[in-house]
Amino acid sequence: MALVSLNNTITFAISVSDRHASAKWYEEKLGFEPLYHADEVGWSEMKTMTEGVTLGLGEQGEPNPGNSVPVFGVDDMDTARSALEGAGVKFDGDTMVVEGMVKTATFFDPDNNALMLAEDLTS
């Protein structure tokens, strides 16, 4: 039995130099639909053609191409994180909270690949 109960969402987060230009590219080339631009935190999300799967665009001055971080949705960040930490899973610092938007926590698999948990705070 799994330690964490994931919900039916996943976001693939990639780093880009211009979120708005990238969003336009994904919309025109792949038919993804812009969901929102959170300019205050440098983040945009696109709806893909797959139910429950979104593409997150994280704006960085010097993006790191090829570095994609799967972001798994959870209903309760504190419970999920505690379960993983209790099983010896290494996290990258504290849980980040953007009030009224999201809680996120980055953790690592045995090969040090970055993965992330996210709890939607918008509802």
Protein backbone atom coordinates (compact mmCIF):
# COMPACT_ATOMS: atom_id res chain seq x y z
CA MET A 1 0.00 0.00 0.00
CA ALA A 2 1.28 3.48 -0.90
CA LEU A 3 2.40 5.87 1.82
CA VAL A 4 0.77 8.85 0.08
CA SER A 5 -2.69 9.14 -1.44
CA LEU A 6 -2.26 11.04 -4.72
CA ASN A 7 -5.26 12.62 -6.39
CA ASN A 8 -6.01 12.49 -10.12
CA THR A 9 -3.81 15.41 -11.18
CA ILE A 10 -0.23 15.78 -12.37
CA THR A 11 1.62 18.86 -13.59
CA PHE A 12 4.83 18.69 -15.57
CA ALA A 13 6.81 21.76 -14.56
CA ILE A 14 9.41 23.13 -16.95
CA SER A 15 11.63 26.17 -16.77
CA VAL A 16 11.26 28.87 -19.44
CA SER A 17 12.66 32.36 -20.02
CA ASP A 18 9.31 33.99 -20.98
CA ARG A 19 6.12 32.33 -19.73
CA HIS A 20 3.79 34.35 -21.92
CA ALA A 21 5.75 33.61 -25.11
CA SER A 22 6.04 29.93 -24.14
CA ALA A 23 2.31 29.72 -23.38
CA LYS A 24 1.55 31.15 -26.81
CA TRP A 25 3.90 28.61 -28.42
CA TYR A 26 2.26 25.66 -26.62
CA GLU A 27 -1.18 26.99 -27.52
CA GLU A 28 -0.37 27.49 -31.21
CA LYS A 29 1.79 24.42 -31.75
CA LEU A 30 0.17 21.80 -29.50
CA GLY A 31 -3.30 23.18 -28.85
CA PHE A 32 -2.81 23.53 -25.09
CA GLU A 33 -5.19 25.97 -23.41
CA PRO A 34 -3.87 28.66 -21.06
CA LEU A 35 -5.41 28.20 -17.62
CA TYR A 36 -3.81 31.21 -15.90
CA HIS A 37 -0.73 33.39 -15.53
CA ALA A 38 0.38 34.10 -11.95
CA ASP A 39 2.75 36.94 -12.76
CA GLU A 40 3.46 37.72 -9.11
CA VAL A 41 5.11 34.30 -8.67
CA GLY A 42 6.45 33.71 -12.21
CA TRP A 43 4.18 30.77 -12.98
CA SER A 44 1.72 29.88 -15.76
CA GLU A 45 -0.29 26.72 -16.37
CA MET A 46 -1.59 25.15 -19.55
CA LYS A 47 -4.33 22.55 -19.91
CA THR A 48 -3.16 19.62 -22.02
CA MET A 49 -5.33 17.21 -23.99
CA THR A 50 -5.05 14.63 -21.19
CA GLU A 51 -7.59 14.89 -18.36
CA GLY A 52 -5.90 15.85 -15.08
CA VAL A 53 -2.53 16.67 -16.71
CA THR A 54 -1.27 20.25 -16.95
CA LEU A 55 1.97 21.86 -18.09
CA GLY A 56 3.48 24.36 -15.65
CA LEU A 57 5.76 27.09 -16.98
CA GLY A 58 8.18 28.43 -14.37
CA GLU A 59 9.90 31.61 -15.48
CA GLN A 60 13.63 31.83 -14.76
CA GLY A 61 16.28 34.29 -15.92
CA GLU A 62 18.39 31.36 -17.08
CA PRO A 63 16.10 28.39 -17.72
CA ASN A 64 17.40 24.86 -17.36
CA PRO A 65 16.19 23.06 -20.53
CA GLY A 66 15.56 19.35 -20.22
CA ASN A 67 14.80 19.64 -16.52
CA SER A 68 11.17 18.62 -16.02
CA VAL A 69 9.75 18.09 -12.56
CA PRO A 70 6.59 15.97 -12.24
CA VAL A 71 4.26 17.63 -9.74
CA PHE A 72 1.82 15.18 -8.13
CA GLY A 73 -1.40 16.54 -6.67
CA VAL A 74 -2.32 15.69 -3.08
CA ASP A 75 -5.36 16.67 -1.05
CA ASP A 76 -3.42 17.19 2.19
CA MET A 77 0.22 18.29 1.95
CA ASP A 78 1.00 17.93 5.65
CA THR A 79 -0.20 14.32 5.81
CA ALA A 80 1.56 13.35 2.56
CA ARG A 81 4.83 14.98 3.50
CA SER A 82 4.83 13.47 7.00
CA ALA A 83 4.27 9.99 5.57
CA LEU A 84 7.15 10.32 3.11
CA GLU A 85 9.53 11.89 5.63
CA GLY A 86 8.65 9.11 8.06
CA ALA A 87 9.78 6.63 5.40
CA GLY A 88 13.13 8.39 4.99
CA VAL A 89 12.35 10.37 1.84
CA LYS A 90 14.58 13.46 1.51
CA PHE A 91 12.91 16.85 0.92
CA ASP A 92 14.49 20.03 -0.43
CA GLY A 93 13.69 22.47 2.37
CA ASP A 94 10.37 23.56 3.79
CA THR A 95 6.95 23.39 2.19
CA MET A 96 6.39 26.53 0.13
CA VAL A 97 3.01 28.24 0.45
CA VAL A 98 1.50 30.78 -1.93
CA GLU A 99 -1.55 31.86 0.08
CA GLY A 100 -4.83 31.16 -1.66
CA MET A 101 -3.03 29.34 -4.47
CA VAL A 102 -0.85 26.32 -3.65
CA LYS A 103 1.41 24.47 -1.19
CA THR A 104 4.41 22.71 -2.77
CA ALA A 105 7.23 20.53 -1.50
CA THR A 106 10.11 19.15 -3.55
CA PHE A 107 11.51 15.72 -2.73
CA PHE A 108 13.94 13.26 -4.30
CA ASP A 109 13.85 9.67 -5.51
CA PRO A 110 16.78 7.30 -4.83
CA ASP A 111 18.66 8.63 -7.90
CA ASN A 112 18.19 12.24 -6.74
CA ASN A 113 15.57 13.07 -9.38
CA ALA A 114 13.42 15.98 -8.21
CA LEU A 115 9.69 15.35 -7.76
CA MET A 116 7.11 17.63 -6.21
CA LEU A 117 3.88 17.39 -4.26
CA ALA A 118 1.27 20.16 -4.60
CA GLU A 119 -1.91 20.91 -2.70
CA ASP A 120 -4.38 23.20 -4.49
CA LEU A 121 -5.51 25.99 -2.14
CA THR A 122 -7.79 27.75 -4.62
CA SER A 123 -11.02 26.03 -3.62
